[in-house]
Structures are given as C-alpha cells and as structure tokens.
Amino acid sequence: MQRLLIFGAGSLAKIISQWLLESDKYSVAAFVVDDGYESDKCIAGNAIPVISYSEAKKQYSAADIRFVIAVGYKSLRNRARVAKRITNDGYSLESIISKSASIDTSVKLGEGCIVFPNVTIEPFCDIGANNIFWSGTIICHDVKIGEHNFFAAGSLIGGEVSIENLCFFGFRSVVIHQLTLASETLIGAASMLSSNSESAAQYIGTPAKLRGFHHEYGIQI
C-alpha cells in the first residue's frame, strides 16, 4: 500500500482524502500545510493529522512516501510553486484517478494529476504533470497539455488542441479542435473558444472574446 501526504487542508483535500480512505491502494499519513498554518483544521473531520511542510520533511523520506497536491484553482501559480518545491526536495507526485474515469491506454499522463469521476481522455493525448480534470471533462484525441492546468466540470477540449501551462477552463467551457492556447489562458464558464489564445488572457462568451489580461498576478479565481 502506497503511503501519501496530501498537501493542502481545504475542500479539495477533503474530496481527495475521501477517495483515498475508500481505497485499498493508498493510506494517508498526514495533511501538509505551509509552515505556520499547522493549526488549520482539515474540513475532512477525520483523525489524520495536519503538519507543517518542514515537519513532513523531518518525518518522511522521499523513498517512503509520495505527495498529492490538493491546492485548487484560486491561484494556479501557487499550485505550480508547491509542485516545484516538493519535487525539488526529491519527493514524487502521485496521480489520483477515479475508477469511473475513462482514459485510453495510449494516453501519456504526467505525475501529480487528479482525474475526477466520469472524465474521458481519448487516444493519443500527451498530458504533463500536476493537472486537474474535474468531473465530466472530455479531452478529445491527440490533445497536448502542459502542466498545472485546471479543467472545471464539463469542460470539452476538441481534438488536436495544444494547451501550454497554468490555464483555467470554466464550467462547461468548449475549445474547438486544432487550436493553440498560450500559458495562463482563462476560458470563462460556458464559453466557446474558436481561435488561438494570447498569453495570460481572459476569454468569455460564445463565441469567446478577449476581455482582459492578468500578466502580473496570473489567474486568481
């Protein structure tokens, strides 16, 4: 049984811990938070301790345990920073995949991804590390996805789309086939993107139109 540390103590950590507690594949040793936030209670309401990252490094070696990153979409740059810190310290990231997700055997899936129930990932997709695919997301064939992206429930990505890093896709957003999305693109809920995107740009509506930029602070929801 693989032992895990969950980085985070919020709602996403609650959901992931519930999956893991029901699994015969994993055991959760602790929730991990940034130093100084150890008093935060994980809303999971169970007996799993909350410890600081410094304490986690003292207690658990990289050879014995892996991390799951339960940092959501409020700041994708922060999610990326957490992943970099953990991997730079020699730890590996575990991908958590729902039993009801449908992922073709040809798909390349990077470490540290979280795949929710009823997600479909079609053949020949190449997916980087630390992405979140919420329930009902559909990734069509031959899609290339970078790192640290967040796909909200019901997102639909057309075939042969190329997505860079740190992008956010709102509820039921649609990206038509063969587009290229630059890093930190934000697609609003129920919006449909029909053209290539600019870096750190916000697109809203159907068809989606450029509404602004967030170069300085990145995507913050």
Protein backbone atom coordinates (compact mmCIF):
# COMPACT_ATOMS: atom_id res chain seq x y z
CA MET A 1 0.00 0.00 0.00
CA GLN A 2 1.40 3.39 -1.05
CA ARG A 3 1.62 5.95 1.76
CA LEU A 4 0.72 9.51 0.81
CA LEU A 5 0.93 13.05 2.14
CA ILE A 6 -1.79 15.43 0.98
CA PHE A 7 -0.53 18.98 0.54
CA GLY A 8 -3.48 21.17 1.44
CA ALA A 9 -6.24 21.24 4.05
CA GLY A 10 -9.24 22.68 2.23
CA SER A 11 -12.18 21.40 0.22
CA LEU A 12 -10.09 19.70 -2.46
CA ALA A 13 -8.08 17.94 0.25
CA LYS A 14 -11.37 16.77 1.76
CA ILE A 15 -12.53 15.24 -1.51
CA ILE A 16 -9.22 13.54 -2.25
CA SER A 17 -8.89 12.17 1.27
CA GLN A 18 -12.36 10.63 0.98
CA TRP A 19 -11.34 8.80 -2.19
CA LEU A 20 -8.13 7.59 -0.61
CA LEU A 21 -9.78 6.42 2.60
CA GLU A 22 -12.08 4.23 0.49
CA SER A 23 -9.14 2.82 -1.48
CA ASP A 24 -7.20 -0.34 -0.74
CA LYS A 25 -4.26 1.06 -2.72
CA TYR A 26 -3.36 4.08 -0.57
CA SER A 27 -3.05 5.23 3.02
CA VAL A 28 -2.87 8.89 4.08
CA ALA A 29 -0.20 9.73 6.65
CA ALA A 30 -0.98 13.44 7.08
CA PHE A 31 -2.26 16.65 5.57
CA VAL A 32 0.62 19.06 4.95
CA VAL A 33 0.42 22.86 5.01
CA ASP A 34 2.86 25.73 4.76
CA ASP A 35 4.84 26.44 7.91
CA GLY A 36 2.80 28.49 10.38
CA TYR A 37 -0.59 27.11 9.31
CA GLU A 38 -0.49 23.87 11.28
CA SER A 39 -3.41 24.94 13.46
CA ASP A 40 -5.74 24.90 10.44
CA LYS A 41 -8.24 22.07 10.68
CA CYS A 42 -8.85 20.00 7.60
CA ILE A 43 -12.58 20.03 6.92
CA ALA A 44 -12.43 16.29 6.29
CA GLY A 45 -13.11 15.97 10.02
CA ASN A 46 -11.11 12.80 10.47
CA ALA A 47 -8.18 11.80 12.65
CA ILE A 48 -5.48 12.42 10.05
CA PRO A 49 -3.02 14.99 11.48
CA VAL A 50 -2.20 18.36 9.92
CA ILE A 51 1.54 19.07 9.94
CA SER A 52 3.86 21.70 8.51
CA TYR A 53 5.94 21.08 5.41
CA SER A 54 9.12 21.37 7.46
CA GLU A 55 7.83 18.71 9.85
CA ALA A 56 6.83 16.48 6.93
CA LYS A 57 10.37 16.58 5.59
CA LYS A 58 11.70 15.56 9.01
CA GLN A 59 9.25 12.69 9.45
CA TYR A 60 9.03 11.21 5.95
CA SER A 61 11.72 10.41 3.41
CA ALA A 62 11.19 10.61 -0.32
CA ALA A 63 11.85 6.88 -0.56
CA ASP A 64 8.92 6.05 1.72
CA ILE A 65 6.14 8.42 0.73
CA ARG A 66 4.64 10.39 -2.16
CA PHE A 67 2.72 13.68 -2.30
CA VAL A 68 -0.71 14.54 -3.64
CA ILE A 69 -1.21 18.27 -4.25
CA ALA A 70 -4.65 19.40 -3.08
CA VAL A 71 -4.18 23.06 -3.99
CA GLY A 72 -7.00 24.18 -6.27
CA TYR A 73 -7.65 26.92 -8.79
CA LYS A 74 -7.63 30.03 -6.59
CA SER A 75 -4.01 30.61 -7.64
CA LEU A 76 -2.57 28.32 -10.29
CA ARG A 77 0.85 29.91 -9.89
CA ASN A 78 0.78 28.86 -6.24
CA ARG A 79 -0.15 25.30 -7.24
CA ALA A 80 2.85 25.29 -9.58
CA ARG A 81 5.15 26.67 -6.86
CA VAL A 82 4.05 23.94 -4.44
CA ALA A 83 4.75 21.24 -7.04
CA LYS A 84 8.20 22.67 -7.78
CA ARG A 85 9.14 22.89 -4.10
CA ILE A 86 8.07 19.30 -3.41
CA THR A 87 9.81 17.80 -6.43
CA ASN A 88 12.96 19.90 -5.86
CA ASP A 89 13.11 18.31 -2.40
CA GLY A 90 13.22 14.90 -4.05
CA TYR A 91 9.62 13.77 -3.50
CA SER A 92 7.43 12.28 -6.21
CA LEU A 93 3.85 13.28 -7.00
CA GLU A 94 1.10 10.68 -7.15
CA SER A 95 -1.68 10.85 -9.74
CA ILE A 96 -5.14 10.09 -8.32
CA ILE A 97 -7.56 8.70 -10.90
CA SER A 98 -11.22 7.93 -10.27
CA LYS A 99 -12.33 4.38 -11.03
CA SER A 100 -15.08 5.77 -13.26
CA ALA A 101 -12.73 7.85 -15.43
CA SER A 102 -12.13 6.58 -18.97
CA ILE A 103 -8.51 7.06 -20.05
CA ASP A 104 -7.30 5.34 -23.20
CA THR A 105 -4.27 3.11 -22.78
CA SER A 106 -2.34 5.19 -25.34
CA VAL A 107 -2.56 8.35 -23.18
CA LYS A 108 0.63 9.66 -21.57
CA LEU A 109 -0.29 11.09 -18.17
CA GLY A 110 2.24 13.04 -16.12
CA GLU A 111 2.71 12.69 -12.38
CA GLY A 112 0.56 14.51 -9.87
CA CYS A 113 -2.62 14.71 -11.98
CA ILE A 114 -6.06 14.43 -10.38
CA VAL A 115 -8.77 12.88 -12.55
CA PHE A 116 -12.32 13.07 -11.22
CA PRO A 117 -15.24 10.70 -11.93
CA ASN A 118 -16.66 10.44 -15.46
CA VAL A 119 -13.71 12.16 -17.12
CA THR A 120 -12.94 10.94 -20.65
CA ILE A 121 -9.47 11.23 -22.20
CA GLU A 122 -9.38 9.90 -25.75
CA PRO A 123 -6.48 8.18 -27.56
CA PHE A 124 -3.03 9.65 -28.18
CA CYS A 125 -3.21 12.54 -25.73
CA ASP A 126 0.04 13.71 -24.13
CA ILE A 127 -0.55 15.27 -20.70
CA GLY A 128 2.03 16.87 -18.43
CA ALA A 129 2.26 16.97 -14.65
CA ASN A 130 0.01 18.46 -11.97
CA ASN A 131 -3.21 18.93 -13.96
CA ILE A 132 -6.73 18.69 -12.51
CA PHE A 133 -9.62 17.29 -14.56
CA TRP A 134 -12.94 17.78 -12.75
CA SER A 135 -15.99 15.56 -13.25
CA GLY A 136 -17.37 15.19 -16.76
CA THR A 137 -14.42 16.77 -18.58
CA ILE A 138 -13.81 15.41 -22.09
CA ILE A 139 -10.38 15.62 -23.69
CA CYS A 140 -10.61 14.56 -27.33
CA HIS A 141 -7.96 12.72 -29.33
CA ASP A 142 -4.38 13.91 -29.91
CA VAL A 143 -4.54 16.78 -27.42
CA LYS A 144 -1.28 18.03 -25.92
CA ILE A 145 -1.49 19.54 -22.43
CA GLY A 146 1.34 21.12 -20.44
CA GLU A 147 1.49 21.44 -16.66
CA HIS A 148 -0.57 22.96 -13.81
CA ASN A 149 -3.83 23.40 -15.75
CA PHE A 150 -7.33 23.24 -14.24
CA PHE A 151 -10.35 21.89 -16.13
CA ALA A 152 -13.63 22.61 -14.32
CA ALA A 153 -16.60 20.23 -14.53
CA GLY A 154 -17.90 19.59 -18.02
CA SER A 155 -15.01 21.17 -19.94
CA LEU A 156 -14.72 19.97 -23.55
CA ILE A 157 -11.41 20.17 -25.43
CA GLY A 158 -11.54 19.36 -29.14
CA GLY A 159 -9.12 17.10 -30.95
CA GLU A 160 -5.53 18.13 -31.72
CA VAL A 161 -5.64 21.14 -29.41
CA SER A 162 -2.35 22.25 -27.83
CA ILE A 163 -2.53 23.73 -24.32
CA GLU A 164 0.51 25.21 -22.60
CA ASN A 165 0.73 25.72 -18.81
CA LEU A 166 -1.34 27.25 -15.98
CA CYS A 167 -4.57 27.57 -17.97
CA PHE A 168 -8.07 27.59 -16.46
CA PHE A 169 -11.21 26.24 -18.13
CA GLY A 170 -14.53 27.22 -16.53
CA PHE A 171 -17.63 25.04 -16.14
CA ARG A 172 -18.86 23.64 -19.49
CA SER A 173 -16.30 25.64 -21.47
CA VAL A 174 -15.54 24.47 -25.01
CA VAL A 175 -12.37 24.73 -27.08
CA ILE A 176 -12.83 23.76 -30.72
CA HIS A 177 -10.36 21.48 -32.47
CA GLN A 178 -6.80 22.27 -33.60
CA LEU A 179 -6.32 25.45 -31.56
CA THR A 180 -3.24 26.51 -29.59
CA LEU A 181 -3.71 28.00 -26.12
CA ALA A 182 -0.85 30.02 -24.65
CA SER A 183 0.10 29.76 -20.98
CA GLU A 184 -2.27 31.26 -18.38
CA THR A 185 -5.25 31.42 -20.72
CA LEU A 186 -8.57 31.68 -18.87
CA ILE A 187 -11.77 30.47 -20.55
CA GLY A 188 -14.94 31.55 -18.74
CA ALA A 189 -17.79 29.24 -17.77
CA ALA A 190 -19.97 28.12 -20.70
CA SER A 191 -17.69 29.99 -23.13
CA MET A 192 -16.61 28.61 -26.50
CA LEU A 193 -13.14 29.46 -27.80
CA SER A 194 -12.83 29.35 -31.59
CA SER A 195 -9.41 30.97 -32.12
CA ASN A 196 -5.90 30.69 -30.71
CA SER A 197 -5.36 32.48 -27.40
CA GLU A 198 -2.82 35.01 -26.19
CA SER A 199 -0.72 34.51 -23.08
CA ALA A 200 -2.34 35.48 -19.74
CA ALA A 201 -5.57 36.46 -21.49
CA GLN A 202 -9.22 36.11 -20.44
CA TYR A 203 -11.86 34.90 -22.91
CA ILE A 204 -15.58 34.98 -22.12
CA GLY A 205 -18.74 34.37 -24.14
CA THR A 206 -19.93 32.30 -27.11
CA PRO A 207 -18.00 32.80 -29.23
CA ALA A 208 -15.43 33.78 -26.60
CA LYS A 209 -13.99 37.27 -26.87
CA LEU A 210 -10.86 38.72 -25.31
CA ARG A 211 -11.84 40.58 -22.11
CA GLY A 212 -8.52 41.40 -20.46
CA PHE A 213 -5.11 40.23 -19.25
CA HIS A 214 -3.55 39.07 -15.98
CA HIS A 215 0.19 39.08 -16.69
CA GLU A 216 1.20 40.47 -13.29
CA TYR A 217 -0.65 38.17 -10.87
CA GLY A 218 -1.66 35.23 -13.04
CA ILE A 219 -5.03 33.53 -12.82
CA GLN A 220 -6.76 34.16 -9.50
CA ILE A 221 -10.33 32.94 -9.10
